[in-house]
Amino acid sequence: MLDEAAAEKFIAQAKWTFAKTMPQWPHEYTVRWQNDPSEFEDFVRYIKHVGVHCKKTYWTRVYLDIGEWYYWTMESTVKRTKIINRARCDESLHSLES
């Protein structure tokens, strides 16, 4: 499994795209095919093992805070995960918590 330094390396190398279809929840995403597949899966595993299971707005998921960002996936398994999302800790879902 990754350590935090390797996770930060993946984050720095990944291509992040602003999710323009959801401006009400500003966040970015990276997709599996834009990354090295094994590094992508390693980071997904890291999110799932080190992250915290909690509710933000409407969704209960595993969220991982690293630096100014928090990360999450939508799928329950590593192999099914196609997208990793991230949002700034001071924006987006945090600001909408109920």
Foldseek 3Di string as FASTA:
>chain_A
DDDLVLLVVQVVPFDWDWPVVCPLFTKIKGFCVRGDNVSQLVNQVCQVPVFDFDDFQHDTFGWADDDQKIKGFDDPDSVPTTMIMMDGPVGGRNVRGD
